[in-house]
Amino acid sequence: SVLSTQSTGEAIIKKLEDYSDVVLRRTKDYLPFLSRLCLVATFMEDGVRMWSQWKEQSNYINHHWGCGSILSNMFVIYNLFGQLIPSVLVLARKYVKISVGLLFGVVFIQTVGYGILFDVRFLLRNVALLGGLVLLLAESMGETKSMFAGVPTLGENRPQNYMQLAGRVLICLMFLTLLGEMSFNNVFTELVRAVELIVGLPLMICVCIGYKTKLASCCLVFWLFFLNIYLNPFWMYSSSRAMHDFVKYDFFQTLSVIGGLLYVVTNGPGGVSFDEHKKNW
C-alpha cells in the first residue's frame, strides 16, 4: 500500500507538471515581461511615493540626520529618478546592468538614510529585495553570453548559476519576512496566515534548493497572488492613514516575490539545483 500511495503521489505530481508546462507554453511570450514588471514594481511604487510625499520624505531625512534641506531634497531626487528611470529601462531591457547597479545603490542609500540598519525585520527585507535584482542581473548576463557565444550550457556560465542560486535564496528570505507576526485580532486572517505558512514554506524550500522548481514556483505564484489581494488590500484604507502605507508596502514586496518566482518559472532554477543535477544522474 505504501508503494501504491507513493506511485499515486508521483502520478499526481507528474500531471500537475504537465498542466504547468501547458500554461507556460501559452504564456511564454509575455511571462518574461510580467516577471520583470513584478520585480521592479516595488521600486516604481517607491519612486512615485517620493514624488507624492516629497515634503514629508525630505523633512524626515532632514530631521533624522540634521543635514539641511539641500541634502535632504537631493536624497528624495535620487530616490525618485534613481528608481523610476532604471525600472523603465529594465522593462525595456536596455542598459540592464547599469540600471540594476543604480537600484542596488538606492537600496543601500535607503538602508542607511532611513536607519534600517537597526531594524532587523526591515533590514532583512531590504537585503532580500536584492534577490530580485540579482536575478535580473543573472538574466542579463545570460543574454549577453548568448549574443556572443550562442546559447550557454550550464557549465559555461558558472557565475550566472550561482547568482540564480543567490537570487532564489534571497527571494525565499523575503517570503519569510512577509509572514509577519500573528496578532489574533482577526482570527480568520490569522488562520489564513497560518495556512500561508503551512502551504507556502514547503514550496519555498523546494524553490530554494531547486527541486521540482517550476511546479513549486507556479503553485506559489497563484497562491501568493490571491493571498496578496486578500491580506494586503491597501486600496481599502484611506491614504491619510498610516495603515495604508504599511499594507501597500507589503503588497508591493509580495509582488517582488511573485516576480522572482515568475523569473524561476521562465528561466529555470539554474545549474546549482537538484533539478539540473538530476539530468546528469
Protein backbone atom coordinates (compact mmCIF):
# COMPACT_ATOMS: atom_id res chain seq x y z
CA SER A 1 0.00 0.00 0.00
CA VAL A 2 2.94 2.29 0.68
CA LEU A 3 4.22 1.72 -2.85
CA SER A 4 0.80 2.34 -4.35
CA THR A 5 0.42 5.56 -2.35
CA GLN A 6 3.86 6.69 -3.50
CA SER A 7 3.09 5.90 -7.13
CA THR A 8 -0.23 7.75 -6.85
CA GLY A 9 1.56 10.79 -5.44
CA GLU A 10 4.12 10.69 -8.25
CA ALA A 11 1.33 10.40 -10.82
CA ILE A 12 -0.41 13.48 -9.36
CA ILE A 13 2.84 15.47 -9.40
CA LYS A 14 3.50 14.38 -12.99
CA LYS A 15 0.02 15.50 -14.05
CA LEU A 16 0.48 18.85 -12.30
CA GLU A 17 3.83 19.30 -14.06
CA ASP A 18 2.13 18.58 -17.40
CA TYR A 19 -0.55 21.22 -16.65
CA SER A 20 2.11 23.76 -15.66
CA ASP A 21 4.01 23.07 -18.91
CA VAL A 22 0.83 23.79 -20.88
CA VAL A 23 0.35 27.09 -19.01
CA LEU A 24 3.99 28.04 -19.62
CA ARG A 25 3.76 27.33 -23.34
CA ARG A 26 0.67 29.52 -23.65
CA THR A 27 2.16 32.41 -21.66
CA LYS A 28 5.80 32.27 -22.77
CA ASP A 29 5.51 35.42 -24.92
CA TYR A 30 4.60 37.80 -22.10
CA LEU A 31 5.72 35.93 -18.95
CA PRO A 32 9.30 37.38 -19.00
CA PHE A 33 7.94 40.95 -19.14
CA LEU A 34 5.45 40.20 -16.34
CA SER A 35 8.29 38.78 -14.26
CA ARG A 36 10.42 41.91 -14.68
CA LEU A 37 7.39 44.15 -14.01
CA CYS A 38 6.68 42.43 -10.69
CA LEU A 39 10.37 42.51 -9.72
CA VAL A 40 10.65 46.29 -10.20
CA ALA A 41 7.10 47.12 -9.06
CA THR A 42 8.20 47.95 -5.51
CA PHE A 43 10.86 50.35 -6.87
CA MET A 44 8.36 52.05 -9.18
CA GLU A 45 5.85 52.42 -6.35
CA ASP A 46 8.50 53.87 -4.06
CA GLY A 47 9.63 56.28 -6.78
CA VAL A 48 6.07 57.54 -7.23
CA ARG A 49 5.76 57.85 -3.44
CA MET A 50 8.85 60.07 -3.41
CA TRP A 51 7.04 62.44 -5.76
CA SER A 52 3.69 62.39 -3.95
CA GLN A 53 5.27 62.67 -0.47
CA TRP A 54 8.27 64.83 -1.40
CA LYS A 55 7.89 67.25 1.50
CA GLU A 56 7.31 64.53 4.12
CA GLN A 57 10.29 62.47 2.93
CA SER A 58 12.59 65.50 2.78
CA ASN A 59 11.53 66.69 6.23
CA TYR A 60 12.06 63.23 7.71
CA ILE A 61 15.63 62.94 6.38
CA ASN A 62 16.42 66.49 7.46
CA HIS A 63 15.04 65.83 10.95
CA HIS A 64 16.69 62.40 11.27
CA TRP A 65 20.17 63.45 10.13
CA GLY A 66 20.10 67.24 10.56
CA CYS A 67 21.66 67.52 7.11
CA GLY A 68 19.79 70.60 5.86
CA SER A 69 17.15 71.00 3.18
CA ILE A 70 19.57 70.83 0.22
CA LEU A 71 20.92 67.34 1.05
CA SER A 72 17.51 66.03 2.12
CA ASN A 73 15.98 67.18 -1.18
CA MET A 74 18.88 65.59 -3.09
CA PHE A 75 18.09 62.34 -1.25
CA VAL A 76 14.48 62.49 -2.48
CA ILE A 77 15.55 63.41 -6.04
CA TYR A 78 17.98 60.47 -6.22
CA ASN A 79 15.36 58.05 -4.91
CA LEU A 80 12.77 59.44 -7.34
CA PHE A 81 14.77 59.29 -10.56
CA GLY A 82 17.11 56.54 -9.37
CA GLN A 83 14.14 54.17 -9.12
CA LEU A 84 11.75 55.20 -11.91
CA ILE A 85 14.28 55.55 -14.75
CA PRO A 86 16.17 52.27 -14.07
CA SER A 87 12.86 50.42 -13.64
CA VAL A 88 11.64 51.61 -17.05
CA LEU A 89 14.99 50.64 -18.62
CA VAL A 90 14.79 47.17 -17.07
CA LEU A 91 11.30 46.71 -18.52
CA ALA A 92 12.61 47.83 -21.91
CA ARG A 93 15.66 45.51 -21.48
CA LYS A 94 18.01 48.42 -22.09
CA TYR A 95 21.19 49.05 -20.05
CA VAL A 96 20.04 46.41 -17.56
CA LYS A 97 23.38 46.08 -15.75
CA ILE A 98 23.67 49.85 -15.20
CA SER A 99 20.03 50.04 -14.12
CA VAL A 100 20.41 47.19 -11.65
CA GLY A 101 23.53 48.91 -10.27
CA LEU A 102 21.55 52.12 -9.69
CA LEU A 103 18.79 50.17 -7.93
CA PHE A 104 21.41 48.46 -5.75
CA GLY A 105 22.57 51.99 -4.83
CA VAL A 106 19.02 53.01 -3.91
CA VAL A 107 18.64 50.01 -1.59
CA PHE A 108 21.94 50.86 0.11
CA ILE A 109 21.19 54.57 0.48
CA GLN A 110 17.69 53.91 1.84
CA THR A 111 19.06 51.35 4.31
CA VAL A 112 21.42 53.98 5.71
CA GLY A 113 19.17 57.03 5.22
CA TYR A 114 16.13 55.61 6.99
CA GLY A 115 18.17 53.96 9.76
CA ILE A 116 17.03 50.50 8.69
CA LEU A 117 20.38 49.06 9.82
CA PHE A 118 18.99 48.98 13.35
CA ASP A 119 15.62 47.42 12.44
CA VAL A 120 16.26 43.73 11.82
CA ARG A 121 12.94 42.99 10.07
CA PHE A 122 13.20 45.85 7.58
CA LEU A 123 16.92 45.25 7.11
CA LEU A 124 16.20 41.64 6.13
CA ARG A 125 13.53 42.85 3.71
CA ASN A 126 15.96 45.25 2.06
CA VAL A 127 18.61 42.54 1.80
CA ALA A 128 16.03 40.13 0.40
CA LEU A 129 14.95 42.78 -2.12
CA LEU A 130 18.41 42.42 -3.64
CA GLY A 131 17.40 38.88 -4.63
CA GLY A 132 15.19 40.20 -7.42
CA LEU A 133 17.99 42.46 -8.64
CA VAL A 134 20.44 39.55 -8.63
CA LEU A 135 18.01 37.52 -10.77
CA LEU A 136 17.68 40.43 -13.23
CA LEU A 137 21.45 40.68 -13.41
CA ALA A 138 21.76 36.92 -13.97
CA GLU A 139 19.23 37.12 -16.81
CA SER A 140 21.19 39.99 -18.36
CA MET A 141 24.45 38.03 -18.13
CA GLY A 142 22.81 35.06 -19.83
CA GLU A 143 21.52 37.25 -22.66
CA THR A 144 24.95 38.86 -23.17
CA LYS A 145 26.68 35.49 -23.33
CA SER A 146 24.09 34.16 -25.77
CA MET A 147 24.61 37.13 -28.12
CA PHE A 148 28.33 36.45 -28.47
CA ALA A 149 28.69 32.71 -27.99
CA GLY A 150 25.40 31.04 -28.75
CA VAL A 151 23.09 29.64 -26.07
CA PRO A 152 25.20 28.86 -22.99
CA THR A 153 25.23 25.46 -21.32
CA LEU A 154 25.16 25.06 -17.56
CA GLY A 155 28.89 24.58 -17.30
CA GLU A 156 29.72 27.61 -19.43
CA ASN A 157 28.22 30.26 -17.21
CA ARG A 158 29.02 29.39 -13.62
CA PRO A 159 28.73 32.95 -12.24
CA GLN A 160 25.18 33.15 -13.60
CA ASN A 161 24.30 29.81 -11.97
CA TYR A 162 25.48 30.96 -8.54
CA MET A 163 23.71 34.28 -8.98
CA GLN A 164 20.48 32.41 -9.71
CA LEU A 165 21.02 30.37 -6.54
CA ALA A 166 21.62 33.54 -4.50
CA GLY A 167 18.52 35.12 -6.03
CA ARG A 168 16.37 32.10 -5.14
CA VAL A 169 17.63 32.08 -1.54
CA LEU A 170 17.01 35.82 -1.11
CA ILE A 171 13.51 35.54 -2.60
CA CYS A 172 12.78 32.80 -0.04
CA LEU A 173 14.13 35.09 2.70
CA MET A 174 11.74 37.84 1.58
CA PHE A 175 8.85 35.36 1.74
CA LEU A 176 9.74 34.56 5.37
CA THR A 177 9.83 38.28 6.28
CA LEU A 178 6.37 38.72 4.74
CA LEU A 179 4.77 36.15 7.02
CA GLY A 180 4.57 38.74 9.78
CA GLU A 181 3.61 38.29 13.38
CA MET A 182 0.31 36.71 14.37
CA SER A 183 -1.72 39.12 16.47
CA PHE A 184 -5.01 37.14 16.54
CA ASN A 185 -7.02 40.37 16.34
CA ASN A 186 -8.81 38.79 13.40
CA VAL A 187 -8.99 35.01 13.84
CA PHE A 188 -9.84 34.27 10.20
CA THR A 189 -6.99 36.45 8.88
CA GLU A 190 -4.51 34.79 11.23
CA LEU A 191 -5.84 31.38 10.14
CA VAL A 192 -5.13 32.39 6.54
CA ARG A 193 -1.60 33.41 7.57
CA ALA A 194 -1.12 30.04 9.29
CA VAL A 195 -2.21 28.25 6.10
CA GLU A 196 0.13 30.55 4.15
CA LEU A 197 2.99 29.28 6.29
CA ILE A 198 1.98 25.62 6.16
CA VAL A 199 1.44 25.58 2.39
CA GLY A 200 3.98 28.17 1.30
CA LEU A 201 7.01 27.17 3.35
CA PRO A 202 7.49 23.66 1.88
CA LEU A 203 7.03 25.04 -1.64
CA MET A 204 9.55 27.82 -0.92
CA ILE A 205 12.06 25.23 0.32
CA CYS A 206 11.61 23.40 -2.99
CA VAL A 207 12.32 26.64 -4.87
CA CYS A 208 15.32 27.39 -2.66
CA ILE A 209 17.02 24.03 -3.25
CA GLY A 210 15.82 23.79 -6.86
CA TYR A 211 13.64 20.68 -6.55
CA LYS A 212 10.55 20.45 -8.79
CA THR A 213 11.28 24.14 -9.12
CA LYS A 214 8.95 25.21 -11.92
CA LEU A 215 5.96 23.36 -10.46
CA ALA A 216 6.59 24.74 -6.96
CA SER A 217 7.04 28.26 -8.38
CA CYS A 218 3.81 28.04 -10.41
CA CYS A 219 1.86 26.92 -7.35
CA LEU A 220 3.34 29.73 -5.26
CA VAL A 221 2.61 32.38 -7.89
CA PHE A 222 -1.12 31.56 -7.86
CA TRP A 223 -1.16 31.06 -4.09
CA LEU A 224 0.60 34.35 -3.28
CA PHE A 225 -1.37 36.33 -5.86
CA PHE A 226 -4.71 35.57 -4.21
CA LEU A 227 -3.28 35.87 -0.69
CA ASN A 228 -1.81 39.26 -1.55
CA ILE A 229 -5.18 40.57 -2.70
CA TYR A 230 -6.84 39.31 0.50
CA LEU A 231 -4.19 40.18 3.09
CA ASN A 232 -2.89 43.47 1.65
CA PRO A 233 -5.84 45.43 0.19
CA PHE A 234 -4.26 48.87 0.63
CA TRP A 235 -6.93 50.43 -1.62
CA MET A 236 -9.48 49.82 1.16
CA TYR A 237 -7.66 52.21 3.52
CA SER A 238 -7.68 55.99 3.35
CA SER A 239 -4.37 57.34 2.03
CA SER A 240 -4.20 59.59 5.10
CA ARG A 241 -3.98 56.58 7.44
CA ALA A 242 -0.61 55.09 8.35
CA MET A 243 -2.06 51.61 7.79
CA HIS A 244 -2.43 52.43 4.09
CA ASP A 245 1.34 52.80 3.65
CA PHE A 246 2.18 49.69 5.69
CA VAL A 247 -0.24 47.47 3.78
CA LYS A 248 0.78 48.97 0.45
CA TYR A 249 4.43 48.28 1.29
CA ASP A 250 3.62 44.60 1.99
CA PHE A 251 1.57 44.38 -1.21
CA PHE A 252 4.42 45.51 -3.46
CA GLN A 253 7.01 43.48 -1.55
CA THR A 254 4.87 40.40 -2.19
CA LEU A 255 4.74 41.36 -5.88
CA SER A 256 8.54 41.26 -5.85
CA VAL A 257 8.45 37.70 -4.51
CA ILE A 258 5.94 36.79 -7.24
CA GLY A 259 8.24 38.40 -9.82
CA GLY A 260 11.18 36.33 -8.58
CA LEU A 261 9.10 33.17 -8.79
CA LEU A 262 7.97 34.06 -12.32
CA TYR A 263 11.63 34.51 -13.23
CA VAL A 264 12.33 30.96 -11.99
CA VAL A 265 9.34 29.68 -13.95
CA THR A 266 10.59 31.40 -17.12
CA ASN A 267 14.34 30.77 -16.87
CA GLY A 268 14.58 27.71 -14.67
CA PRO A 269 16.49 27.35 -11.38
CA GLY A 270 19.97 27.45 -12.90
CA GLY A 271 22.83 24.97 -12.71
CA VAL A 272 23.08 24.86 -8.91
CA SER A 273 19.87 22.94 -8.25
CA PHE A 274 18.53 19.43 -7.74
CA ASP A 275 16.57 19.61 -10.98
CA GLU A 276 19.69 20.22 -13.07
CA HIS A 277 21.77 17.63 -11.22
CA LYS A 278 19.05 15.01 -11.74
CA LYS A 279 19.52 15.43 -15.51
CA ASN A 280 23.13 14.29 -15.13
CA TRP A 281 22.36 11.23 -12.99
